Amino acid sequence: MLLKIQSKIDWYAASFKVLNILGPIAGMSVILLTAVVSYIETRPQKLPLQYKLTINNQTFYLEAANKPQELEKGLKWRNNLESDRGMLFNLGREYNHVPFWMYQVKVPLDIIYLKNNVVTTIIHNAPPCMKNPCPIYYGVTATQVLELITNSNS
């Protein structure tokens, strides 16, 4: 009985055929993965309502951003915000000259800087900004920042 041993050329040819099949699949996978990641990154976040705030007989229900990725995303990409909703950004410690901006935020907001539950700075009617460069709004000092829809009577 004779055994036929495949030559190296057959292995190269087989490998080339496999690469011709896997290459386009890998390329399409990279494109699809990039599209999915981009979609996920640009989706608005909806955090649970954690706080109820009443000011001058008007009640607001607040989402709380606590983690770095929640703080960074904030209210970006929201097409609207109900007039009784807002977001409280818990900064984790006291900061001076606190920067906030409206990049990729689609609705005008009031930005209220708080230190130990006392208002230190208010930015009224910060307009949406979809393209860089966007204005940066600074609070004097803050441990928390509150964002509320502008047309509210806050």
N, C-alpha and C. Protein backbone atom coordinates (compact mmCIF):
# COMPACT_ATOMS: atom_id res chain seq x y z
N MET A 1 0.84 -1.16 0.00
CA MET A 1 0.00 0.00 0.00
C MET A 1 0.89 1.23 0.00
N LEU A 2 0.57 2.17 -0.88
CA LEU A 2 1.33 3.40 -0.99
C LEU A 2 0.54 4.55 -0.36
N LEU A 3 1.25 5.38 0.42
CA LEU A 3 0.63 6.58 0.99
C LEU A 3 1.05 7.77 0.18
N LYS A 4 0.10 8.59 -0.13
CA LYS A 4 0.41 9.80 -0.89
C LYS A 4 0.58 10.95 0.10
N ILE A 5 1.70 11.59 0.09
CA ILE A 5 1.98 12.72 0.96
C ILE A 5 1.75 14.00 0.17
N GLN A 6 0.92 14.90 0.76
CA GLN A 6 0.63 16.14 0.05
C GLN A 6 1.88 17.02 0.05
N SER A 7 2.07 17.71 -1.02
CA SER A 7 3.22 18.59 -1.12
C SER A 7 2.93 19.91 -0.42
N LYS A 8 3.99 20.71 -0.17
CA LYS A 8 3.85 22.01 0.47
C LYS A 8 2.99 22.94 -0.38
N ILE A 9 3.05 22.82 -1.66
CA ILE A 9 2.28 23.68 -2.55
C ILE A 9 0.79 23.50 -2.30
N ASP A 10 0.33 22.29 -2.02
CA ASP A 10 -1.08 22.06 -1.72
C ASP A 10 -1.49 22.78 -0.44
N TRP A 11 -0.63 22.77 0.58
CA TRP A 11 -0.94 23.46 1.83
C TRP A 11 -1.01 24.97 1.61
N TYR A 12 -0.10 25.49 0.83
CA TYR A 12 -0.14 26.93 0.53
C TYR A 12 -1.41 27.29 -0.23
N ALA A 13 -1.77 26.47 -1.18
CA ALA A 13 -2.97 26.73 -1.97
C ALA A 13 -4.22 26.65 -1.08
N ALA A 14 -4.26 25.67 -0.19
CA ALA A 14 -5.40 25.53 0.72
C ALA A 14 -5.47 26.72 1.66
N SER A 15 -4.32 27.13 2.18
CA SER A 15 -4.29 28.30 3.08
C SER A 15 -4.74 29.55 2.36
N PHE A 16 -4.32 29.70 1.12
CA PHE A 16 -4.72 30.87 0.33
C PHE A 16 -6.23 30.88 0.11
N LYS A 17 -6.80 29.72 -0.16
CA LYS A 17 -8.26 29.62 -0.36
C LYS A 17 -9.00 29.98 0.93
N VAL A 18 -8.51 29.48 2.06
CA VAL A 18 -9.14 29.80 3.35
C VAL A 18 -9.07 31.30 3.62
N LEU A 19 -7.91 31.90 3.36
CA LEU A 19 -7.77 33.35 3.56
C LEU A 19 -8.69 34.14 2.63
N ASN A 20 -8.87 33.66 1.42
CA ASN A 20 -9.79 34.32 0.48
C ASN A 20 -11.23 34.28 0.99
N ILE A 21 -11.55 33.25 1.73
CA ILE A 21 -12.90 33.15 2.30
C ILE A 21 -13.00 33.96 3.59
N LEU A 22 -12.03 33.79 4.48
CA LEU A 22 -12.08 34.45 5.79
C LEU A 22 -11.81 35.96 5.73
N GLY A 23 -11.01 36.39 4.79
CA GLY A 23 -10.67 37.81 4.67
C GLY A 23 -11.90 38.70 4.54
N PRO A 24 -12.76 38.47 3.57
CA PRO A 24 -13.97 39.29 3.44
C PRO A 24 -14.89 39.18 4.66
N ILE A 25 -14.96 37.98 5.26
CA ILE A 25 -15.80 37.81 6.45
C ILE A 25 -15.24 38.67 7.59
N ALA A 26 -13.93 38.63 7.78
CA ALA A 26 -13.30 39.45 8.83
C ALA A 26 -13.50 40.93 8.54
N GLY A 27 -13.36 41.33 7.29
CA GLY A 27 -13.56 42.73 6.93
C GLY A 27 -14.98 43.19 7.21
N MET A 28 -15.95 42.39 6.83
CA MET A 28 -17.35 42.73 7.09
C MET A 28 -17.63 42.76 8.59
N SER A 29 -17.00 41.86 9.35
CA SER A 29 -17.18 41.84 10.80
C SER A 29 -16.66 43.12 11.43
N VAL A 30 -15.51 43.60 10.98
CA VAL A 30 -14.95 44.85 11.50
C VAL A 30 -15.87 46.02 11.17
N ILE A 31 -16.38 46.08 9.97
CA ILE A 31 -17.29 47.16 9.57
C ILE A 31 -18.57 47.11 10.42
N LEU A 32 -19.14 45.92 10.58
CA LEU A 32 -20.36 45.76 11.37
C LEU A 32 -20.12 46.12 12.83
N LEU A 33 -19.02 45.66 13.40
CA LEU A 33 -18.69 45.96 14.79
C LEU A 33 -18.51 47.46 14.99
N THR A 34 -17.85 48.13 14.07
CA THR A 34 -17.67 49.58 14.14
C THR A 34 -19.01 50.30 14.11
N ALA A 35 -19.90 49.86 13.24
CA ALA A 35 -21.23 50.48 13.15
C ALA A 35 -22.02 50.27 14.44
N VAL A 36 -21.96 49.06 15.01
CA VAL A 36 -22.68 48.77 16.25
C VAL A 36 -22.13 49.60 17.41
N VAL A 37 -20.82 49.67 17.53
CA VAL A 37 -20.21 50.47 18.61
C VAL A 37 -20.57 51.94 18.45
N SER A 38 -20.51 52.45 17.24
CA SER A 38 -20.88 53.84 16.99
C SER A 38 -22.33 54.10 17.37
N TYR A 39 -23.21 53.18 17.01
CA TYR A 39 -24.64 53.32 17.35
C TYR A 39 -24.82 53.33 18.86
N ILE A 40 -24.19 52.41 19.56
CA ILE A 40 -24.32 52.31 21.02
C ILE A 40 -23.78 53.57 21.68
N GLU A 41 -22.65 54.08 21.22
CA GLU A 41 -22.04 55.26 21.83
C GLU A 41 -22.88 56.52 21.64
N THR A 42 -23.66 56.59 20.57
CA THR A 42 -24.44 57.81 20.31
C THR A 42 -25.91 57.67 20.72
N ARG A 43 -26.25 56.62 21.42
CA ARG A 43 -27.60 56.49 21.95
C ARG A 43 -27.70 57.28 23.25
N PRO A 44 -28.80 57.98 23.45
CA PRO A 44 -28.95 58.69 24.72
C PRO A 44 -29.05 57.72 25.88
N GLN A 45 -28.47 58.12 27.01
CA GLN A 45 -28.61 57.27 28.19
C GLN A 45 -29.88 57.65 28.94
N LYS A 46 -30.52 56.66 29.48
CA LYS A 46 -31.71 56.86 30.33
C LYS A 46 -31.37 56.22 31.67
N LEU A 47 -31.08 57.06 32.64
CA LEU A 47 -30.75 56.57 33.97
C LEU A 47 -32.02 56.55 34.83
N PRO A 48 -32.05 55.72 35.86
CA PRO A 48 -33.25 55.69 36.71
C PRO A 48 -33.47 57.03 37.42
N LEU A 49 -34.73 57.36 37.62
CA LEU A 49 -35.06 58.56 38.39
C LEU A 49 -34.72 58.27 39.86
N GLN A 50 -33.87 59.12 40.44
CA GLN A 50 -33.42 58.87 41.80
C GLN A 50 -33.80 59.97 42.78
N TYR A 51 -34.10 61.17 42.27
CA TYR A 51 -34.36 62.29 43.17
C TYR A 51 -35.62 63.02 42.74
N LYS A 52 -36.27 63.62 43.73
CA LYS A 52 -37.42 64.49 43.50
C LYS A 52 -37.04 65.84 44.09
N LEU A 53 -37.13 66.89 43.28
CA LEU A 53 -36.74 68.23 43.68
C LEU A 53 -37.93 69.16 43.49
N THR A 54 -38.30 69.91 44.52
CA THR A 54 -39.40 70.86 44.40
C THR A 54 -38.84 72.26 44.63
N ILE A 55 -39.07 73.14 43.64
CA ILE A 55 -38.64 74.54 43.70
C ILE A 55 -39.85 75.39 43.33
N ASN A 56 -40.22 76.32 44.20
CA ASN A 56 -41.34 77.23 43.93
C ASN A 56 -42.57 76.48 43.41
N ASN A 57 -42.99 75.46 44.12
CA ASN A 57 -44.18 74.66 43.77
C ASN A 57 -44.06 73.90 42.45
N GLN A 58 -42.87 73.79 41.89
CA GLN A 58 -42.66 72.99 40.69
C GLN A 58 -41.78 71.81 41.06
N THR A 59 -42.20 70.62 40.67
CA THR A 59 -41.48 69.40 41.03
C THR A 59 -40.73 68.87 39.81
N PHE A 60 -39.50 68.46 40.05
CA PHE A 60 -38.65 67.86 39.02
C PHE A 60 -38.24 66.47 39.49
N TYR A 61 -38.19 65.55 38.55
CA TYR A 61 -37.71 64.20 38.82
C TYR A 61 -36.36 64.07 38.12
N LEU A 62 -35.36 63.68 38.91
CA LEU A 62 -33.99 63.75 38.42
C LEU A 62 -33.35 62.38 38.25
N GLU A 63 -32.71 62.21 37.11
CA GLU A 63 -31.79 61.09 36.92
C GLU A 63 -30.49 61.50 37.59
N ALA A 64 -29.72 60.53 38.04
CA ALA A 64 -28.43 60.85 38.67
C ALA A 64 -27.29 60.21 37.89
N ALA A 65 -26.33 61.04 37.48
CA ALA A 65 -25.12 60.56 36.83
C ALA A 65 -24.03 60.50 37.89
N ASN A 66 -23.53 59.30 38.15
CA ASN A 66 -22.54 59.10 39.21
C ASN A 66 -21.21 58.56 38.69
N LYS A 67 -21.26 57.67 37.72
CA LYS A 67 -20.06 57.03 37.18
C LYS A 67 -19.45 57.92 36.11
N PRO A 68 -18.13 57.81 35.89
CA PRO A 68 -17.47 58.65 34.88
C PRO A 68 -18.13 58.60 33.50
N GLN A 69 -18.51 57.41 33.03
CA GLN A 69 -19.14 57.32 31.70
C GLN A 69 -20.52 57.96 31.70
N GLU A 70 -21.25 57.91 32.82
CA GLU A 70 -22.55 58.57 32.92
C GLU A 70 -22.38 60.09 32.94
N LEU A 71 -21.38 60.55 33.68
CA LEU A 71 -21.10 61.99 33.75
C LEU A 71 -20.72 62.53 32.38
N GLU A 72 -19.91 61.77 31.65
CA GLU A 72 -19.45 62.21 30.33
C GLU A 72 -20.60 62.27 29.33
N LYS A 73 -21.48 61.29 29.36
CA LYS A 73 -22.58 61.23 28.38
C LYS A 73 -23.70 62.22 28.72
N GLY A 74 -24.01 62.36 30.01
CA GLY A 74 -25.02 63.32 30.42
C GLY A 74 -26.31 63.22 29.62
N LEU A 75 -26.76 64.35 29.10
CA LEU A 75 -28.01 64.41 28.33
C LEU A 75 -27.76 64.47 26.82
N LYS A 76 -26.58 64.04 26.39
CA LYS A 76 -26.26 64.03 24.96
C LYS A 76 -27.26 63.18 24.19
N TRP A 77 -27.54 63.62 22.97
CA TRP A 77 -28.34 62.90 21.97
C TRP A 77 -29.81 62.75 22.35
N ARG A 78 -30.27 63.41 23.39
CA ARG A 78 -31.70 63.37 23.72
C ARG A 78 -32.43 64.33 22.79
N ASN A 79 -33.46 63.86 22.13
CA ASN A 79 -34.23 64.73 21.23
C ASN A 79 -35.13 65.68 22.00
N ASN A 80 -35.49 65.31 23.22
CA ASN A 80 -36.30 66.19 24.05
C ASN A 80 -36.10 65.79 25.51
N LEU A 81 -36.59 66.63 26.38
CA LEU A 81 -36.54 66.37 27.81
C LEU A 81 -37.85 66.89 28.37
N GLU A 82 -38.56 66.06 29.09
CA GLU A 82 -39.83 66.49 29.66
C GLU A 82 -39.60 67.66 30.61
N SER A 83 -40.59 68.55 30.70
CA SER A 83 -40.43 69.78 31.47
C SER A 83 -40.27 69.54 32.97
N ASP A 84 -40.60 68.34 33.43
CA ASP A 84 -40.43 68.05 34.86
C ASP A 84 -39.27 67.09 35.13
N ARG A 85 -38.35 66.98 34.17
CA ARG A 85 -37.21 66.07 34.29
C ARG A 85 -35.90 66.83 34.24
N GLY A 86 -34.87 66.21 34.77
CA GLY A 86 -33.54 66.80 34.72
C GLY A 86 -32.50 65.75 35.08
N MET A 87 -31.25 66.18 35.15
CA MET A 87 -30.17 65.27 35.53
C MET A 87 -29.29 65.94 36.56
N LEU A 88 -28.96 65.19 37.61
CA LEU A 88 -28.05 65.64 38.64
C LEU A 88 -26.73 64.93 38.43
N PHE A 89 -25.67 65.70 38.26
CA PHE A 89 -24.33 65.17 38.07
C PHE A 89 -23.63 65.22 39.43
N ASN A 90 -23.37 64.06 40.01
CA ASN A 90 -22.64 63.97 41.27
C ASN A 90 -21.15 63.86 40.94
N LEU A 91 -20.42 64.93 41.21
CA LEU A 91 -19.02 65.02 40.77
C LEU A 91 -18.06 64.21 41.64
N GLY A 92 -18.49 63.81 42.83
CA GLY A 92 -17.64 62.98 43.67
C GLY A 92 -16.78 63.75 44.65
N ARG A 93 -16.49 64.99 44.34
CA ARG A 93 -15.73 65.85 45.25
C ARG A 93 -15.94 67.29 44.80
N GLU A 94 -15.38 68.23 45.53
CA GLU A 94 -15.52 69.65 45.19
C GLU A 94 -14.51 70.03 44.10
N TYR A 95 -15.01 70.77 43.12
CA TYR A 95 -14.17 71.30 42.05
C TYR A 95 -14.35 72.81 41.97
N ASN A 96 -13.30 73.51 41.63
CA ASN A 96 -13.37 74.94 41.36
C ASN A 96 -13.27 75.17 39.86
N HIS A 97 -13.91 76.24 39.40
CA HIS A 97 -13.89 76.60 37.97
C HIS A 97 -14.35 75.39 37.14
N VAL A 98 -15.57 74.90 37.43
CA VAL A 98 -16.10 73.65 36.90
C VAL A 98 -16.60 73.85 35.47
N PRO A 99 -16.01 73.16 34.47
CA PRO A 99 -16.45 73.32 33.09
C PRO A 99 -17.58 72.35 32.71
N PHE A 100 -18.59 72.87 32.03
CA PHE A 100 -19.65 72.07 31.41
C PHE A 100 -19.86 72.63 30.02
N TRP A 101 -20.25 71.76 29.10
CA TRP A 101 -20.56 72.24 27.75
C TRP A 101 -21.78 71.50 27.23
N MET A 102 -22.26 71.95 26.09
CA MET A 102 -23.51 71.43 25.52
C MET A 102 -23.27 70.62 24.24
N TYR A 103 -22.06 70.11 24.06
CA TYR A 103 -21.74 69.36 22.85
C TYR A 103 -22.64 68.13 22.72
N GLN A 104 -23.30 68.01 21.58
CA GLN A 104 -24.21 66.93 21.23
C GLN A 104 -25.49 66.91 22.08
N VAL A 105 -25.74 67.99 22.83
CA VAL A 105 -27.00 68.12 23.57
C VAL A 105 -27.96 68.86 22.65
N LYS A 106 -29.17 68.32 22.46
CA LYS A 106 -30.09 68.83 21.45
C LYS A 106 -31.14 69.80 21.97
N VAL A 107 -31.19 70.02 23.28
CA VAL A 107 -32.20 70.91 23.86
C VAL A 107 -31.51 71.95 24.74
N PRO A 108 -32.04 73.19 24.78
CA PRO A 108 -31.45 74.20 25.67
C PRO A 108 -31.68 73.83 27.13
N LEU A 109 -30.70 74.09 27.95
CA LEU A 109 -30.77 73.71 29.35
C LEU A 109 -30.32 74.85 30.26
N ASP A 110 -30.83 74.84 31.49
CA ASP A 110 -30.26 75.65 32.55
C ASP A 110 -29.25 74.76 33.27
N ILE A 111 -28.06 75.28 33.52
CA ILE A 111 -27.01 74.55 34.22
C ILE A 111 -26.83 75.21 35.58
N ILE A 112 -27.06 74.44 36.63
CA ILE A 112 -27.02 74.98 37.99
C ILE A 112 -25.92 74.26 38.76
N TYR A 113 -24.93 75.03 39.20
CA TYR A 113 -23.81 74.48 39.95
C TYR A 113 -24.11 74.55 41.44
N LEU A 114 -23.90 73.43 42.14
CA LEU A 114 -24.22 73.34 43.57
C LEU A 114 -22.99 72.92 44.37
N LYS A 115 -22.86 73.51 45.54
CA LYS A 115 -21.84 73.06 46.50
C LYS A 115 -22.58 72.87 47.82
N ASN A 116 -22.61 71.64 48.33
CA ASN A 116 -23.30 71.31 49.58
C ASN A 116 -24.74 71.82 49.56
N ASN A 117 -25.44 71.57 48.44
CA ASN A 117 -26.85 71.94 48.25
C ASN A 117 -27.10 73.45 48.20
N VAL A 118 -26.08 74.24 47.98
CA VAL A 118 -26.22 75.69 47.83
C VAL A 118 -25.81 76.05 46.41
N VAL A 119 -26.65 76.85 45.74
CA VAL A 119 -26.36 77.26 44.36
C VAL A 119 -25.17 78.22 44.35
N THR A 120 -24.16 77.90 43.52
CA THR A 120 -22.99 78.77 43.39
C THR A 120 -22.97 79.53 42.07
N THR A 121 -23.55 78.94 41.03
CA THR A 121 -23.57 79.57 39.70
C THR A 121 -24.78 79.02 38.94
N ILE A 122 -25.42 79.90 38.15
CA ILE A 122 -26.51 79.45 37.26
C ILE A 122 -26.21 79.95 35.85
N ILE A 123 -26.28 79.07 34.90
CA ILE A 123 -26.19 79.42 33.48
C ILE A 123 -27.60 79.21 32.93
N HIS A 124 -28.26 80.30 32.55
CA HIS A 124 -29.62 80.22 32.01
C HIS A 124 -29.58 80.00 30.51
N ASN A 125 -30.42 79.09 30.04
CA ASN A 125 -30.66 78.92 28.61
C ASN A 125 -29.39 78.66 27.80
N ALA A 126 -28.59 77.69 28.24
CA ALA A 126 -27.42 77.29 27.45
C ALA A 126 -27.93 76.60 26.18
N PRO A 127 -27.59 77.14 25.00
CA PRO A 127 -28.15 76.59 23.76
C PRO A 127 -27.49 75.27 23.35
N PRO A 128 -28.22 74.46 22.59
CA PRO A 128 -27.63 73.22 22.06
C PRO A 128 -26.42 73.53 21.20
N CYS A 129 -25.53 72.56 21.09
CA CYS A 129 -24.33 72.72 20.26
C CYS A 129 -24.01 71.36 19.64
N MET A 130 -24.18 71.28 18.32
CA MET A 130 -23.97 70.00 17.64
C MET A 130 -22.60 69.89 16.99
N LYS A 131 -21.89 71.00 16.82
CA LYS A 131 -20.57 70.96 16.19
C LYS A 131 -19.55 71.67 17.06
N ASN A 132 -18.36 71.12 17.12
CA ASN A 132 -17.26 71.79 17.83
C ASN A 132 -16.74 72.94 17.00
N PRO A 133 -16.26 74.00 17.60
CA PRO A 133 -16.10 74.21 19.03
C PRO A 133 -17.41 74.69 19.66
N CYS A 134 -17.69 74.21 20.86
CA CYS A 134 -18.87 74.61 21.62
C CYS A 134 -18.41 75.48 22.79
N PRO A 135 -19.25 76.43 23.20
CA PRO A 135 -18.89 77.23 24.37
C PRO A 135 -18.79 76.34 25.61
N ILE A 136 -17.91 76.71 26.50
CA ILE A 136 -17.76 76.02 27.78
C ILE A 136 -18.26 76.97 28.85
N TYR A 137 -19.13 76.45 29.71
CA TYR A 137 -19.73 77.24 30.79
C TYR A 137 -19.07 76.83 32.10
N TYR A 138 -18.66 77.82 32.89
CA TYR A 138 -17.92 77.54 34.12
C TYR A 138 -18.73 77.92 35.34
N GLY A 139 -18.70 77.04 36.32
CA GLY A 139 -19.26 77.35 37.63
C GLY A 139 -18.12 77.69 38.57
N VAL A 140 -18.39 78.56 39.53
CA VAL A 140 -17.35 78.99 40.46
C VAL A 140 -16.79 77.80 41.23
N THR A 141 -17.68 77.04 41.84
CA THR A 141 -17.30 75.83 42.58
C THR A 141 -18.50 74.91 42.62
N ALA A 142 -18.27 73.59 42.70
CA ALA A 142 -19.41 72.67 42.73
C ALA A 142 -18.99 71.28 43.20
N THR A 143 -19.93 70.62 43.86
CA THR A 143 -19.84 69.20 44.14
C THR A 143 -20.86 68.44 43.30
N GLN A 144 -21.86 69.19 42.83
CA GLN A 144 -22.90 68.64 41.96
C GLN A 144 -23.29 69.70 40.93
N VAL A 145 -23.80 69.22 39.79
CA VAL A 145 -24.33 70.12 38.76
C VAL A 145 -25.69 69.58 38.36
N LEU A 146 -26.64 70.47 38.25
CA LEU A 146 -28.00 70.12 37.89
C LEU A 146 -28.32 70.70 36.52
N GLU A 147 -28.87 69.89 35.63
CA GLU A 147 -29.33 70.36 34.33
C GLU A 147 -30.83 70.18 34.23
N LEU A 148 -31.51 71.27 33.91
CA LEU A 148 -32.97 71.26 33.77
C LEU A 148 -33.34 71.91 32.43
N ILE A 149 -34.48 71.51 31.90
CA ILE A 149 -34.94 72.08 30.64
C ILE A 149 -35.16 73.58 30.83
N THR A 150 -34.78 74.39 29.85
CA THR A 150 -34.80 75.83 29.96
C THR A 150 -36.19 76.41 30.16
N ASN A 151 -37.21 75.87 29.52
CA ASN A 151 -38.51 76.49 29.61
C ASN A 151 -39.21 76.23 30.94
N SER A 152 -38.53 75.56 31.86
CA SER A 152 -39.12 75.36 33.19
C SER A 152 -39.03 76.64 33.99
N ASN A 153 -39.84 76.75 34.99
CA ASN A 153 -39.87 77.95 35.84
C ASN A 153 -39.00 77.74 37.07
N SER A 154 -37.75 77.37 36.85
CA SER A 154 -36.87 77.07 37.97
C SER A 154 -36.24 78.31 38.55
